[in-house]
């Protein structure tokens, strides 16, 4: 049997061994650990096998990989008083582990809350048409604001993408009616432009014919020929210009 005195030596030794084993920390390639010594910042330790003394040192692991964070759907009132529901996705990574641990309590939660408020703030300054047509610009504006505010937390915002802009049924119908009205307006404008160009051509032709009576006579004859070629035409009533009659009589007198 093990004597009582021997146990007095084995117990502390076992405790020291256990503490020594617990002191080892394996840090992956994409991780860093922020070490505090008696509550004060000591170092940021790189990947590998690291020792952190329990009770004296505290270690916080920080993942340096890109984080993909969904921004929950937000109710946004646009500048033209249209209520829409918008959600987005945020891409960021920690570039300064020391700041991410010391400057903010929970950098993931803080970044998510900041992204939500920034999304509402930026989109609320734009009309609905701008939200739908200038999404790339809005993404950049939101990214720039979040990146600037998270810089003190050691975070770099890589990208922001607006995923969906949801409208209620009445707004969808209103936009459809607006699009239809816009198509009708464009059709009328094109038709009016065609009429204007045709009238210009007719005016130009009238000026040329008025300066050359023979051209007018040829045009009348061509019109008669076109009408006579139609099979369903039995009787033709056509105004015959007096100038043609006068020209024919003048030639007859000369003959």
C-alpha atoms as a PDB file:
ATOM      1  CA  UNK A   1       0.000   0.000   0.000  1.00  0.00           C
ATOM      2  CA  UNK A   2       1.076   3.553  -0.774  1.00  0.00           C
ATOM      3  CA  UNK A   3       1.861   5.397   2.385  1.00  0.00           C
ATOM      4  CA  UNK A   4       0.196   8.630   3.328  1.00  0.00           C
ATOM      5  CA  UNK A   5       3.475  10.539   3.085  1.00  0.00           C
ATOM      6  CA  UNK A   6       4.017   9.331  -0.510  1.00  0.00           C
ATOM      7  CA  UNK A   7       0.579  10.590  -1.495  1.00  0.00           C
ATOM      8  CA  UNK A   8       1.571  14.008  -0.250  1.00  0.00           C
ATOM      9  CA  UNK A   9       4.256  14.097  -2.957  1.00  0.00           C
ATOM     10  CA  UNK A  10       2.275  12.457  -5.737  1.00  0.00           C
ATOM     11  CA  UNK A  11      -0.785  14.717  -5.491  1.00  0.00           C
ATOM     12  CA  UNK A  12       1.066  18.027  -6.044  1.00  0.00           C
ATOM     13  CA  UNK A  13       3.128  16.435  -8.808  1.00  0.00           C
ATOM     14  CA  UNK A  14      -0.008  15.210 -10.566  1.00  0.00           C
ATOM     15  CA  UNK A  15      -1.552  18.633 -10.246  1.00  0.00           C
ATOM     16  CA  UNK A  16       1.523  20.230 -11.810  1.00  0.00           C
ATOM     17  CA  UNK A  17       1.456  17.726 -14.671  1.00  0.00           C
ATOM     18  CA  UNK A  18      -2.231  18.403 -15.292  1.00  0.00           C
ATOM     19  CA  UNK A  19      -1.640  22.164 -15.288  1.00  0.00           C
ATOM     20  CA  UNK A  20       1.283  21.692 -17.678  1.00  0.00           C
ATOM     21  CA  UNK A  21      -0.856  19.667 -20.073  1.00  0.00           C
ATOM     22  CA  UNK A  22      -3.697  22.175 -19.881  1.00  0.00           C
ATOM     23  CA  UNK A  23      -1.242  24.979 -20.667  1.00  0.00           C
ATOM     24  CA  UNK A  24      -0.740  23.739 -24.224  1.00  0.00           C
ATOM     25  CA  UNK A  25      -2.825  25.426 -26.927  1.00  0.00           C
ATOM     26  CA  UNK A  26      -2.812  24.427 -30.577  1.00  0.00           C
ATOM     27  CA  UNK A  27      -3.273  27.443 -32.830  1.00  0.00           C
ATOM     28  CA  UNK A  28      -4.336  26.721 -36.419  1.00  0.00           C
ATOM     29  CA  UNK A  29      -2.856  28.490 -39.431  1.00  0.00           C
ATOM     30  CA  UNK A  30      -5.949  30.692 -39.821  1.00  0.00           C
ATOM     31  CA  UNK A  31      -6.109  31.581 -36.114  1.00  0.00           C
ATOM     32  CA  UNK A  32      -4.346  33.849 -33.652  1.00  0.00           C
ATOM     33  CA  UNK A  33      -4.613  33.939 -29.867  1.00  0.00           C
ATOM     34  CA  UNK A  34      -4.615  37.161 -27.901  1.00  0.00           C
ATOM     35  CA  UNK A  35      -2.923  36.595 -24.537  1.00  0.00           C
ATOM     36  CA  UNK A  36      -3.575  38.691 -21.434  1.00  0.00           C
ATOM     37  CA  UNK A  37      -1.146  38.439 -18.516  1.00  0.00           C
ATOM     38  CA  UNK A  38      -2.828  39.274 -15.221  1.00  0.00           C
ATOM     39  CA  UNK A  39      -5.483  41.185 -17.112  1.00  0.00           C
ATOM     40  CA  UNK A  40      -3.107  43.205 -19.283  1.00  0.00           C
ATOM     41  CA  UNK A  41      -2.385  42.636 -22.958  1.00  0.00           C
ATOM     42  CA  UNK A  42       0.783  40.612 -23.421  1.00  0.00           C
ATOM     43  CA  UNK A  43       1.014  39.304 -26.977  1.00  0.00           C
ATOM     44  CA  UNK A  44      -0.680  37.961 -30.087  1.00  0.00           C
ATOM     45  CA  UNK A  45       0.618  34.433 -30.623  1.00  0.00           C
ATOM     46  CA  UNK A  46       1.008  32.902 -34.068  1.00  0.00           C
ATOM     47  CA  UNK A  47       0.041  29.396 -35.286  1.00  0.00           C
ATOM     48  CA  UNK A  48       1.650  26.394 -33.664  1.00  0.00           C
ATOM     49  CA  UNK A  49       1.851  24.812 -30.213  1.00  0.00           C
ATOM     50  CA  UNK A  50       1.634  27.566 -27.607  1.00  0.00           C
ATOM     51  CA  UNK A  51       1.719  27.619 -23.822  1.00  0.00           C
ATOM     52  CA  UNK A  52      -0.787  29.626 -21.814  1.00  0.00           C
ATOM     53  CA  UNK A  53      -0.439  29.380 -18.056  1.00  0.00           C
ATOM     54  CA  UNK A  54      -3.874  28.878 -16.465  1.00  0.00           C
ATOM     55  CA  UNK A  55      -4.841  31.367 -13.784  1.00  0.00           C
ATOM     56  CA  UNK A  56      -2.134  33.818 -14.809  1.00  0.00           C
ATOM     57  CA  UNK A  57      -2.745  34.166 -18.515  1.00  0.00           C
ATOM     58  CA  UNK A  58      -5.956  34.267 -20.477  1.00  0.00           C
ATOM     59  CA  UNK A  59      -6.132  33.411 -24.176  1.00  0.00           C
ATOM     60  CA  UNK A  60      -8.760  34.447 -26.719  1.00  0.00           C
ATOM     61  CA  UNK A  61      -8.845  32.745 -30.113  1.00  0.00           C
ATOM     62  CA  UNK A  62      -9.552  34.899 -33.155  1.00  0.00           C
ATOM     63  CA  UNK A  63     -10.392  33.467 -36.579  1.00  0.00           C
ATOM     64  CA  UNK A  64      -8.765  35.439 -39.417  1.00  0.00           C
ATOM     65  CA  UNK A  65     -10.821  33.882 -42.225  1.00  0.00           C
ATOM     66  CA  UNK A  66     -13.462  35.829 -44.139  1.00  0.00           C
ATOM     67  CA  UNK A  67     -16.777  35.828 -42.289  1.00  0.00           C
ATOM     68  CA  UNK A  68     -20.020  35.678 -44.290  1.00  0.00           C
ATOM     69  CA  UNK A  69     -22.743  37.345 -42.256  1.00  0.00           C
ATOM     70  CA  UNK A  70     -26.399  37.599 -43.231  1.00  0.00           C
ATOM     71  CA  UNK A  71     -27.971  40.938 -42.390  1.00  0.00           C
ATOM     72  CA  UNK A  72     -31.556  40.213 -41.258  1.00  0.00           C
ATOM     73  CA  UNK A  73     -34.401  41.730 -43.335  1.00  0.00           C
ATOM     74  CA  UNK A  74     -34.889  45.399 -42.525  1.00  0.00           C
ATOM     75  CA  UNK A  75     -37.989  47.543 -43.037  1.00  0.00           C
ATOM     76  CA  UNK A  76     -36.825  50.637 -44.890  1.00  0.00           C
ATOM     77  CA  UNK A  77     -38.826  53.754 -45.776  1.00  0.00           C
ATOM     78  CA  UNK A  78     -37.418  55.272 -48.961  1.00  0.00           C
ATOM     79  CA  UNK A  79     -37.100  58.993 -49.605  1.00  0.00           C
ATOM     80  CA  UNK A  80     -40.327  58.910 -51.648  1.00  0.00           C
ATOM     81  CA  UNK A  81     -42.182  57.259 -48.708  1.00  0.00           C
ATOM     82  CA  UNK A  82     -42.296  53.690 -50.031  1.00  0.00           C
ATOM     83  CA  UNK A  83     -41.879  50.914 -47.469  1.00  0.00           C
ATOM     84  CA  UNK A  84     -39.693  48.026 -48.610  1.00  0.00           C
ATOM     85  CA  UNK A  85     -38.102  45.049 -46.900  1.00  0.00           C
ATOM     86  CA  UNK A  86     -34.392  44.644 -47.641  1.00  0.00           C
ATOM     87  CA  UNK A  87     -31.840  42.040 -46.636  1.00  0.00           C
ATOM     88  CA  UNK A  88     -28.158  41.830 -47.469  1.00  0.00           C
ATOM     89  CA  UNK A  89     -24.972  39.857 -46.878  1.00  0.00           C
ATOM     90  CA  UNK A  90     -21.757  41.216 -45.384  1.00  0.00           C
ATOM     91  CA  UNK A  91     -18.217  39.891 -45.978  1.00  0.00           C
ATOM     92  CA  UNK A  92     -15.470  40.893 -43.548  1.00  0.00           C
ATOM     93  CA  UNK A  93     -12.368  39.603 -41.762  1.00  0.00           C
ATOM     94  CA  UNK A  94     -10.333  40.429 -38.680  1.00  0.00           C
ATOM     95  CA  UNK A  95      -7.037  42.118 -39.544  1.00  0.00           C
ATOM     96  CA  UNK A  96      -6.010  43.173 -36.022  1.00  0.00           C
ATOM     97  CA  UNK A  97      -6.800  40.495 -33.384  1.00  0.00           C
ATOM     98  CA  UNK A  98      -5.700  42.742 -30.514  1.00  0.00           C
ATOM     99  CA  UNK A  99      -8.278  45.426 -31.354  1.00  0.00           C
ATOM    100  CA  UNK A 100     -10.998  42.832 -32.069  1.00  0.00           C
ATOM    101  CA  UNK A 101     -10.673  41.492 -28.504  1.00  0.00           C
ATOM    102  CA  UNK A 102      -9.807  44.598 -26.491  1.00  0.00           C
ATOM    103  CA  UNK A 103     -11.731  47.413 -28.237  1.00  0.00           C
ATOM    104  CA  UNK A 104     -15.141  45.715 -28.450  1.00  0.00           C
ATOM    105  CA  UNK A 105     -16.914  43.129 -26.302  1.00  0.00           C
ATOM    106  CA  UNK A 106     -18.223  40.935 -29.149  1.00  0.00           C
ATOM    107  CA  UNK A 107     -17.052  42.066 -32.572  1.00  0.00           C
ATOM    108  CA  UNK A 108     -19.409  39.701 -34.439  1.00  0.00           C
ATOM    109  CA  UNK A 109     -22.538  41.052 -32.734  1.00  0.00           C
ATOM    110  CA  UNK A 110     -21.312  44.634 -32.940  1.00  0.00           C
ATOM    111  CA  UNK A 111     -20.599  44.349 -36.668  1.00  0.00           C
ATOM    112  CA  UNK A 112     -23.996  42.795 -37.332  1.00  0.00           C
ATOM    113  CA  UNK A 113     -25.855  45.543 -35.445  1.00  0.00           C
ATOM    114  CA  UNK A 114     -23.834  48.254 -37.200  1.00  0.00           C
ATOM    115  CA  UNK A 115     -24.598  46.686 -40.588  1.00  0.00           C
ATOM    116  CA  UNK A 116     -28.345  46.715 -39.867  1.00  0.00           C
ATOM    117  CA  UNK A 117     -28.454  50.380 -38.865  1.00  0.00           C
ATOM    118  CA  UNK A 118     -26.225  51.422 -41.777  1.00  0.00           C
ATOM    119  CA  UNK A 119     -28.391  49.530 -44.256  1.00  0.00           C
ATOM    120  CA  UNK A 120     -31.526  51.353 -43.082  1.00  0.00           C
ATOM    121  CA  UNK A 121     -29.778  54.710 -42.956  1.00  0.00           C
ATOM    122  CA  UNK A 122     -28.235  54.584 -46.433  1.00  0.00           C
ATOM    123  CA  UNK A 123     -31.254  53.160 -48.258  1.00  0.00           C
ATOM    124  CA  UNK A 124     -33.583  55.626 -46.537  1.00  0.00           C
ATOM    125  CA  UNK A 125     -31.781  58.465 -48.330  1.00  0.00           C
ATOM    126  CA  UNK A 126     -32.708  57.160 -51.791  1.00  0.00           C
ATOM    127  CA  UNK A 127     -35.865  56.809 -53.873  1.00  0.00           C
ATOM    128  CA  UNK A 128     -37.279  53.399 -54.743  1.00  0.00           C
ATOM    129  CA  UNK A 129     -36.131  53.731 -58.365  1.00  0.00           C
ATOM    130  CA  UNK A 130     -32.564  54.320 -57.186  1.00  0.00           C
ATOM    131  CA  UNK A 131     -32.704  51.256 -54.921  1.00  0.00           C
ATOM    132  CA  UNK A 132     -33.745  49.095 -57.853  1.00  0.00           C
ATOM    133  CA  UNK A 133     -31.445  50.549 -60.517  1.00  0.00           C
ATOM    134  CA  UNK A 134     -28.321  51.657 -58.597  1.00  0.00           C
ATOM    135  CA  UNK A 135     -27.723  48.646 -56.381  1.00  0.00           C
ATOM    136  CA  UNK A 136     -23.996  48.514 -57.068  1.00  0.00           C
ATOM    137  CA  UNK A 137     -23.503  52.105 -55.920  1.00  0.00           C
ATOM    138  CA  UNK A 138     -25.568  51.483 -52.775  1.00  0.00           C
ATOM    139  CA  UNK A 139     -23.476  48.388 -51.995  1.00  0.00           C
ATOM    140  CA  UNK A 140     -20.319  50.469 -52.190  1.00  0.00           C
ATOM    141  CA  UNK A 141     -21.734  53.265 -50.004  1.00  0.00           C
ATOM    142  CA  UNK A 142     -22.811  50.817 -47.295  1.00  0.00           C
ATOM    143  CA  UNK A 143     -19.469  49.004 -47.417  1.00  0.00           C
ATOM    144  CA  UNK A 144     -17.500  52.240 -47.116  1.00  0.00           C
ATOM    145  CA  UNK A 145     -19.450  53.427 -44.054  1.00  0.00           C
ATOM    146  CA  UNK A 146     -19.261  50.083 -42.203  1.00  0.00           C
ATOM    147  CA  UNK A 147     -15.565  49.672 -43.024  1.00  0.00           C
ATOM    148  CA  UNK A 148     -14.763  53.132 -41.682  1.00  0.00           C
ATOM    149  CA  UNK A 149     -16.617  52.551 -38.405  1.00  0.00           C
ATOM    150  CA  UNK A 150     -15.221  49.054 -37.788  1.00  0.00           C
ATOM    151  CA  UNK A 151     -11.618  50.103 -38.379  1.00  0.00           C
ATOM    152  CA  UNK A 152     -11.175  50.761 -34.640  1.00  0.00           C
ATOM    153  CA  UNK A 153     -12.278  47.175 -33.999  1.00  0.00           C
ATOM    154  CA  UNK A 154      -9.573  45.727 -36.236  1.00  0.00           C
ATOM    155  CA  UNK A 155     -12.075  44.626 -38.875  1.00  0.00           C
ATOM    156  CA  UNK A 156     -11.845  45.024 -42.645  1.00  0.00           C
ATOM    157  CA  UNK A 157     -15.114  44.964 -44.602  1.00  0.00           C
ATOM    158  CA  UNK A 158     -14.509  43.295 -47.961  1.00  0.00           C
ATOM    159  CA  UNK A 159     -17.909  43.555 -49.592  1.00  0.00           C
ATOM    160  CA  UNK A 160     -21.611  44.206 -49.028  1.00  0.00           C
ATOM    161  CA  UNK A 161     -24.284  42.800 -51.328  1.00  0.00           C
ATOM    162  CA  UNK A 162     -27.984  43.688 -51.208  1.00  0.00           C
ATOM    163  CA  UNK A 163     -29.777  40.369 -51.799  1.00  0.00           C
ATOM    164  CA  UNK A 164     -33.484  41.174 -52.022  1.00  0.00           C
ATOM    165  CA  UNK A 165     -35.717  44.240 -52.109  1.00  0.00           C
ATOM    166  CA  UNK A 166     -39.246  43.015 -51.413  1.00  0.00           C
ATOM    167  CA  UNK A 167     -42.306  45.123 -52.256  1.00  0.00           C
ATOM    168  CA  UNK A 168     -45.923  44.594 -51.232  1.00  0.00           C
ATOM    169  CA  UNK A 169     -48.514  43.563 -53.842  1.00  0.00           C
ATOM    170  CA  UNK A 170     -50.029  47.029 -54.269  1.00  0.00           C
ATOM    171  CA  UNK A 171     -46.597  48.505 -54.967  1.00  0.00           C
ATOM    172  CA  UNK A 172     -45.799  45.782 -57.501  1.00  0.00           C
ATOM    173  CA  UNK A 173     -49.036  46.549 -59.356  1.00  0.00           C
ATOM    174  CA  UNK A 174     -48.293  50.279 -59.267  1.00  0.00           C
ATOM    175  CA  UNK A 175     -44.835  49.716 -60.747  1.00  0.00           C
ATOM    176  CA  UNK A 176     -46.360  47.498 -63.471  1.00  0.00           C
ATOM    177  CA  UNK A 177     -48.859  50.250 -64.362  1.00  0.00           C
ATOM    178  CA  UNK A 178     -46.061  52.797 -64.408  1.00  0.00           C
ATOM    179  CA  UNK A 179     -43.977  50.625 -66.733  1.00  0.00           C
ATOM    180  CA  UNK A 180     -46.961  50.150 -69.062  1.00  0.00           C
ATOM    181  CA  UNK A 181     -47.631  53.900 -69.124  1.00  0.00           C
ATOM    182  CA  UNK A 182     -43.959  54.519 -69.893  1.00  0.00           C
ATOM    183  CA  UNK A 183     -44.092  52.093 -72.848  1.00  0.00           C
ATOM    184  CA  UNK A 184     -47.219  53.819 -74.196  1.00  0.00           C
ATOM    185  CA  UNK A 185     -45.561  57.201 -73.827  1.00  0.00           C
ATOM    186  CA  UNK A 186     -42.506  56.056 -75.752  1.00  0.00           C
ATOM    187  CA  UNK A 187     -44.705  54.577 -78.507  1.00  0.00           C
ATOM    188  CA  UNK A 188     -46.580  57.878 -78.864  1.00  0.00           C
ATOM    189  CA  UNK A 189     -43.325  59.840 -78.957  1.00  0.00           C
ATOM    190  CA  UNK A 190     -41.937  57.557 -81.671  1.00  0.00           C
ATOM    191  CA  UNK A 191     -45.179  57.861 -83.661  1.00  0.00           C
ATOM    192  CA  UNK A 192     -45.156  61.659 -83.314  1.00  0.00           C
ATOM    193  CA  UNK A 193     -41.527  61.811 -84.444  1.00  0.00           C
ATOM    194  CA  UNK A 194     -42.424  59.699 -87.493  1.00  0.00           C
ATOM    195  CA  UNK A 195     -45.344  62.012 -88.360  1.00  0.00           C
ATOM    196  CA  UNK A 196     -43.092  65.039 -87.980  1.00  0.00           C
ATOM    197  CA  UNK A 197     -40.427  63.599 -90.265  1.00  0.00           C
ATOM    198  CA  UNK A 198     -43.078  62.606 -92.844  1.00  0.00           C
ATOM    199  CA  UNK A 199     -44.563  66.111 -92.803  1.00  0.00           C
ATOM    200  CA  UNK A 200     -41.109  67.588 -93.370  1.00  0.00           C
ATOM    201  CA  UNK A 201     -40.598  65.321 -96.378  1.00  0.00           C
ATOM    202  CA  UNK A 202     -44.041  66.226 -97.782  1.00  0.00           C
ATOM    203  CA  UNK A 203     -43.330  69.923 -97.326  1.00  0.00           C
ATOM    204  CA  UNK A 204     -40.015  69.549 -99.097  1.00  0.00           C
ATOM    205  CA  UNK A 205     -41.659  67.645-101.972  1.00  0.00           C
ATOM    206  CA  UNK A 206     -44.409  70.266-102.270  1.00  0.00           C
ATOM    207  CA  UNK A 207     -41.818  73.024-102.586  1.00  0.00           C
ATOM    208  CA  UNK A 208     -39.988  71.146-105.336  1.00  0.00           C
ATOM    209  CA  UNK A 209     -43.229  70.416-107.260  1.00  0.00           C
ATOM    210  CA  UNK A 210     -44.428  74.014-106.941  1.00  0.00           C
ATOM    211  CA  UNK A 211     -41.219  75.196-108.606  1.00  0.00           C
ATOM    212  CA  UNK A 212     -41.598  72.714-111.494  1.00  0.00           C
ATOM    213  CA  UNK A 213     -45.127  72.377-113.020  1.00  0.00           C
ATOM    214  CA  UNK A 214     -44.040  69.442-115.205  1.00  0.00           C
ATOM    215  CA  UNK A 215     -43.224  67.445-112.099  1.00  0.00           C
ATOM    216  CA  UNK A 216     -46.750  68.065-110.818  1.00  0.00           C
ATOM    217  CA  UNK A 217     -48.222  66.793-114.077  1.00  0.00           C
ATOM    218  CA  UNK A 218     -46.102  63.643-113.955  1.00  0.00           C
ATOM    219  CA  UNK A 219     -47.205  63.050-110.392  1.00  0.00           C
ATOM    220  CA  UNK A 220     -50.879  63.283-111.379  1.00  0.00           C
ATOM    221  CA  UNK A 221     -50.366  60.851-114.210  1.00  0.00           C
ATOM    222  CA  UNK A 222     -48.522  58.427-111.967  1.00  0.00           C
ATOM    223  CA  UNK A 223     -51.366  58.568-109.457  1.00  0.00           C
ATOM    224  CA  UNK A 224     -53.924  57.845-112.190  1.00  0.00           C
ATOM    225  CA  UNK A 225     -51.881  54.877-113.336  1.00  0.00           C
ATOM    226  CA  UNK A 226     -51.705  53.490-109.801  1.00  0.00           C
ATOM    227  CA  UNK A 227     -55.485  53.818-109.327  1.00  0.00           C
ATOM    228  CA  UNK A 228     -56.298  52.241-112.670  1.00  0.00           C
ATOM    229  CA  UNK A 229     -54.167  49.196-111.853  1.00  0.00           C
ATOM    230  CA  UNK A 230     -56.466  48.314-108.946  1.00  0.00           C
ATOM    231  CA  UNK A 231     -58.955  45.605-109.993  1.00  0.00           C
ATOM    232  CA  UNK A 232     -61.722  46.692-107.665  1.00  0.00           C
ATOM    233  CA  UNK A 233     -61.935  50.170-109.172  1.00  0.00           C
ATOM    234  CA  UNK A 234     -64.875  50.816-111.577  1.00  0.00           C
ATOM    235  CA  UNK A 235     -65.231  54.584-111.562  1.00  0.00           C
ATOM    236  CA  UNK A 236     -62.514  57.112-110.890  1.00  0.00           C
ATOM    237  CA  UNK A 237     -63.292  60.682-109.927  1.00  0.00           C
ATOM    238  CA  UNK A 238     -60.057  62.574-110.015  1.00  0.00           C
ATOM    239  CA  UNK A 239     -59.480  66.348-109.870  1.00  0.00           C
ATOM    240  CA  UNK A 240     -57.711  67.336-113.046  1.00  0.00           C
ATOM    241  CA  UNK A 241     -55.531  70.432-112.690  1.00  0.00           C
ATOM    242  CA  UNK A 242     -56.324  73.371-114.955  1.00  0.00           C
ATOM    243  CA  UNK A 243     -52.619  73.829-115.617  1.00  0.00           C
ATOM    244  CA  UNK A 244     -52.518  70.519-117.512  1.00  0.00           C
ATOM    245  CA  UNK A 245     -55.496  71.520-119.654  1.00  0.00           C
ATOM    246  CA  UNK A 246     -53.906  74.881-120.433  1.00  0.00           C
ATOM    247  CA  UNK A 247     -50.656  73.210-121.407  1.00  0.00           C
ATOM    248  CA  UNK A 248     -52.467  70.791-123.749  1.00  0.00           C
ATOM    249  CA  UNK A 249     -54.459  73.633-125.379  1.00  0.00           C
ATOM    250  CA  UNK A 250     -51.309  75.689-125.823  1.00  0.00           C
ATOM    251  CA  UNK A 251     -49.588  72.851-127.630  1.00  0.00           C
ATOM    252  CA  UNK A 252     -52.690  72.313-129.781  1.00  0.00           C
ATOM    253  CA  UNK A 253     -52.679  75.958-130.897  1.00  0.00           C
ATOM    254  CA  UNK A 254     -49.015  75.791-131.703  1.00  0.00           C
ATOM    255  CA  UNK A 255     -49.660  72.683-133.779  1.00  0.00           C
END
